[in-house]
Amino acid sequence: MPDALFARTKALANQRHITMRELITEGLLHVLEKKENEAPCPINPVTFKGEGLAPEFSKGAWSAIRDAAYEDHGA
């Protein structure tokens, strides 16, 4: 924990007359509840017009597609 954050936590805990452990627990519960109640980020599908894979890749493995994508790119 950064020193400045530690000092702020300790000061607030002292001001509220609670332990740092209680304050940190309260903070973590707050963050977890907020994150658990957030709506998931929507994923918009990306589609392309066409007729699927080129014939040379229709029965190939993913490695063949990857190799073709990186061809002439030094990978």
N, C-alpha and C. Protein backbone atom coordinates (compact mmCIF):
# COMPACT_ATOMS: atom_id res chain seq x y z
N MET A 1 0.85 -1.16 0.00
CA MET A 1 0.00 0.00 0.00
C MET A 1 0.91 1.24 0.00
N PRO A 2 0.66 2.19 -0.87
CA PRO A 2 1.48 3.41 -0.88
C PRO A 2 1.39 4.14 0.47
N ASP A 3 2.50 4.75 0.86
CA ASP A 3 2.56 5.42 2.15
C ASP A 3 1.47 6.47 2.33
N ALA A 4 1.21 7.25 1.29
CA ALA A 4 0.19 8.30 1.38
C ALA A 4 -1.19 7.70 1.61
N LEU A 5 -1.50 6.59 0.95
CA LEU A 5 -2.79 5.94 1.13
C LEU A 5 -2.89 5.33 2.53
N PHE A 6 -1.80 4.76 3.00
CA PHE A 6 -1.76 4.21 4.36
C PHE A 6 -2.05 5.31 5.38
N ALA A 7 -1.40 6.47 5.20
CA ALA A 7 -1.58 7.57 6.15
C ALA A 7 -3.02 8.08 6.14
N ARG A 8 -3.61 8.21 4.95
CA ARG A 8 -5.01 8.65 4.86
C ARG A 8 -5.95 7.65 5.51
N THR A 9 -5.69 6.37 5.28
CA THR A 9 -6.52 5.31 5.85
C THR A 9 -6.44 5.34 7.37
N LYS A 10 -5.23 5.45 7.87
CA LYS A 10 -5.03 5.47 9.32
C LYS A 10 -5.70 6.68 9.94
N ALA A 11 -5.58 7.85 9.30
CA ALA A 11 -6.19 9.07 9.82
C ALA A 11 -7.71 8.96 9.85
N LEU A 12 -8.31 8.44 8.79
CA LEU A 12 -9.76 8.30 8.74
C LEU A 12 -10.25 7.28 9.76
N ALA A 13 -9.52 6.20 9.89
CA ALA A 13 -9.90 5.18 10.88
C ALA A 13 -9.86 5.79 12.29
N ASN A 14 -8.83 6.55 12.58
CA ASN A 14 -8.72 7.20 13.89
C ASN A 14 -9.86 8.20 14.10
N GLN A 15 -10.16 8.96 13.07
CA GLN A 15 -11.24 9.95 13.15
C GLN A 15 -12.59 9.28 13.41
N ARG A 16 -12.80 8.11 12.81
CA ARG A 16 -14.07 7.39 12.96
C ARG A 16 -14.05 6.44 14.17
N HIS A 17 -12.95 6.37 14.86
CA HIS A 17 -12.79 5.50 16.04
C HIS A 17 -13.04 4.02 15.69
N ILE A 18 -12.46 3.61 14.58
CA ILE A 18 -12.51 2.20 14.17
C ILE A 18 -11.10 1.77 13.80
N THR A 19 -10.91 0.48 13.64
CA THR A 19 -9.59 -0.03 13.25
C THR A 19 -9.40 0.15 11.75
N MET A 20 -8.15 0.13 11.34
CA MET A 20 -7.87 0.18 9.90
C MET A 20 -8.47 -1.05 9.22
N ARG A 21 -8.41 -2.18 9.90
CA ARG A 21 -8.98 -3.40 9.33
C ARG A 21 -10.47 -3.22 9.04
N GLU A 22 -11.20 -2.62 9.98
CA GLU A 22 -12.63 -2.38 9.77
C GLU A 22 -12.87 -1.44 8.60
N LEU A 23 -12.06 -0.38 8.52
CA LEU A 23 -12.21 0.58 7.42
C LEU A 23 -11.90 -0.05 6.08
N ILE A 24 -10.84 -0.83 6.01
CA ILE A 24 -10.46 -1.50 4.75
C ILE A 24 -11.53 -2.51 4.36
N THR A 25 -12.05 -3.25 5.33
CA THR A 25 -13.12 -4.22 5.05
C THR A 25 -14.34 -3.50 4.49
N GLU A 26 -14.71 -2.40 5.14
CA GLU A 26 -15.86 -1.61 4.67
C GLU A 26 -15.64 -1.13 3.24
N GLY A 27 -14.44 -0.65 2.95
CA GLY A 27 -14.13 -0.15 1.62
C GLY A 27 -14.18 -1.25 0.57
N LEU A 28 -13.61 -2.40 0.89
CA LEU A 28 -13.62 -3.52 -0.05
C LEU A 28 -15.04 -4.00 -0.32
N LEU A 29 -15.86 -4.08 0.73
CA LEU A 29 -17.25 -4.48 0.54
C LEU A 29 -17.98 -3.50 -0.37
N HIS A 30 -17.72 -2.21 -0.16
CA HIS A 30 -18.34 -1.18 -1.00
C HIS A 30 -17.96 -1.36 -2.47
N VAL A 31 -16.70 -1.54 -2.73
CA VAL A 31 -16.22 -1.71 -4.11
C VAL A 31 -16.79 -2.98 -4.73
N LEU A 32 -16.76 -4.09 -3.98
CA LEU A 32 -17.28 -5.35 -4.51
C LEU A 32 -18.77 -5.26 -4.84
N GLU A 33 -19.56 -4.66 -3.94
CA GLU A 33 -20.99 -4.52 -4.19
C GLU A 33 -21.24 -3.67 -5.43
N LYS A 34 -20.48 -2.60 -5.57
CA LYS A 34 -20.63 -1.72 -6.74
C LYS A 34 -20.31 -2.48 -8.02
N LYS A 35 -19.19 -3.21 -8.02
CA LYS A 35 -18.78 -3.94 -9.21
C LYS A 35 -19.73 -5.08 -9.54
N GLU A 36 -20.26 -5.75 -8.52
CA GLU A 36 -21.16 -6.88 -8.75
C GLU A 36 -22.51 -6.41 -9.31
N ASN A 37 -22.88 -5.17 -9.02
CA ASN A 37 -24.16 -4.64 -9.48
C ASN A 37 -24.06 -3.91 -10.82
N GLU A 38 -22.86 -3.73 -11.33
CA GLU A 38 -22.70 -3.06 -12.61
C GLU A 38 -23.19 -3.97 -13.73
N ALA A 39 -23.80 -3.36 -14.72
CA ALA A 39 -24.22 -4.12 -15.89
C ALA A 39 -22.98 -4.50 -16.68
N PRO A 40 -22.97 -5.69 -17.24
CA PRO A 40 -21.81 -6.08 -18.03
C PRO A 40 -21.68 -5.19 -19.26
N CYS A 41 -20.47 -5.01 -19.68
CA CYS A 41 -20.19 -4.20 -20.86
C CYS A 41 -20.76 -4.91 -22.09
N PRO A 42 -21.62 -4.22 -22.85
CA PRO A 42 -22.20 -4.89 -24.02
C PRO A 42 -21.15 -5.12 -25.11
N ILE A 43 -21.30 -6.22 -25.77
CA ILE A 43 -20.40 -6.55 -26.87
C ILE A 43 -21.20 -6.47 -28.16
N ASN A 44 -20.78 -5.58 -29.02
CA ASN A 44 -21.46 -5.44 -30.31
C ASN A 44 -20.79 -6.36 -31.32
N PRO A 45 -21.55 -7.27 -31.91
CA PRO A 45 -20.93 -8.17 -32.88
C PRO A 45 -20.49 -7.41 -34.13
N VAL A 46 -19.39 -7.84 -34.68
CA VAL A 46 -18.88 -7.25 -35.91
C VAL A 46 -19.02 -8.30 -36.99
N THR A 47 -19.72 -7.96 -38.03
CA THR A 47 -19.92 -8.91 -39.12
C THR A 47 -19.48 -8.28 -40.42
N PHE A 48 -19.18 -9.12 -41.38
CA PHE A 48 -18.73 -8.66 -42.69
C PHE A 48 -19.54 -9.40 -43.75
N LYS A 49 -19.83 -8.68 -44.81
CA LYS A 49 -20.52 -9.34 -45.92
C LYS A 49 -19.50 -10.21 -46.64
N GLY A 50 -19.95 -11.29 -47.16
CA GLY A 50 -19.05 -12.18 -47.87
C GLY A 50 -19.58 -13.59 -47.83
N GLU A 51 -18.73 -14.49 -48.25
CA GLU A 51 -19.15 -15.88 -48.35
C GLU A 51 -18.30 -16.78 -47.46
N GLY A 52 -17.86 -16.25 -46.35
CA GLY A 52 -17.09 -17.06 -45.42
C GLY A 52 -15.61 -17.09 -45.77
N LEU A 53 -14.96 -18.14 -45.34
CA LEU A 53 -13.52 -18.28 -45.58
C LEU A 53 -13.22 -18.51 -47.05
N ALA A 54 -12.06 -18.03 -47.45
CA ALA A 54 -11.60 -18.30 -48.81
C ALA A 54 -11.41 -19.81 -48.94
N PRO A 55 -11.61 -20.35 -50.14
CA PRO A 55 -11.54 -21.80 -50.33
C PRO A 55 -10.27 -22.44 -49.79
N GLU A 56 -9.13 -21.75 -49.91
CA GLU A 56 -7.88 -22.35 -49.44
C GLU A 56 -7.81 -22.49 -47.92
N PHE A 57 -8.73 -21.83 -47.20
CA PHE A 57 -8.75 -21.93 -45.74
C PHE A 57 -9.97 -22.68 -45.21
N SER A 58 -10.90 -23.05 -46.05
CA SER A 58 -12.16 -23.62 -45.58
C SER A 58 -11.98 -24.93 -44.80
N LYS A 59 -10.95 -25.69 -45.12
CA LYS A 59 -10.73 -26.95 -44.40
C LYS A 59 -9.43 -26.94 -43.63
N GLY A 60 -8.82 -25.76 -43.56
CA GLY A 60 -7.53 -25.67 -42.89
C GLY A 60 -7.66 -25.40 -41.41
N ALA A 61 -6.55 -25.45 -40.76
CA ALA A 61 -6.48 -25.20 -39.33
C ALA A 61 -6.27 -23.71 -39.09
N TRP A 62 -6.57 -23.29 -37.88
CA TRP A 62 -6.36 -21.89 -37.52
C TRP A 62 -4.92 -21.47 -37.76
N SER A 63 -3.98 -22.36 -37.57
CA SER A 63 -2.56 -22.01 -37.76
C SER A 63 -2.29 -21.57 -39.20
N ALA A 64 -2.98 -22.16 -40.17
CA ALA A 64 -2.80 -21.77 -41.58
C ALA A 64 -3.32 -20.35 -41.80
N ILE A 65 -4.45 -20.02 -41.19
CA ILE A 65 -5.01 -18.67 -41.32
C ILE A 65 -4.08 -17.66 -40.65
N ARG A 66 -3.59 -18.00 -39.46
CA ARG A 66 -2.68 -17.11 -38.74
C ARG A 66 -1.39 -16.90 -39.53
N ASP A 67 -0.84 -17.97 -40.08
CA ASP A 67 0.40 -17.85 -40.85
C ASP A 67 0.21 -16.95 -42.07
N ALA A 68 -0.95 -17.08 -42.73
CA ALA A 68 -1.22 -16.24 -43.89
C ALA A 68 -1.38 -14.77 -43.49
N ALA A 69 -2.02 -14.53 -42.34
CA ALA A 69 -2.22 -13.16 -41.87
C ALA A 69 -0.89 -12.48 -41.58
N TYR A 70 0.08 -13.23 -41.07
CA TYR A 70 1.37 -12.66 -40.71
C TYR A 70 2.42 -12.79 -41.80
N GLU A 71 2.04 -13.34 -42.92
CA GLU A 71 2.99 -13.51 -44.02
C GLU A 71 3.53 -12.15 -44.44
N ASP A 72 4.81 -12.06 -44.66
CA ASP A 72 5.51 -10.82 -45.05
C ASP A 72 5.52 -9.76 -43.95
N HIS A 73 5.25 -10.14 -42.70
CA HIS A 73 5.28 -9.17 -41.61
C HIS A 73 6.35 -9.53 -40.58
N GLY A 74 7.23 -10.43 -40.92
CA GLY A 74 8.35 -10.74 -40.06
C GLY A 74 8.05 -11.57 -38.82
N ALA A 75 6.87 -12.13 -38.73
CA ALA A 75 6.56 -12.92 -37.53
C ALA A 75 6.73 -14.40 -37.79
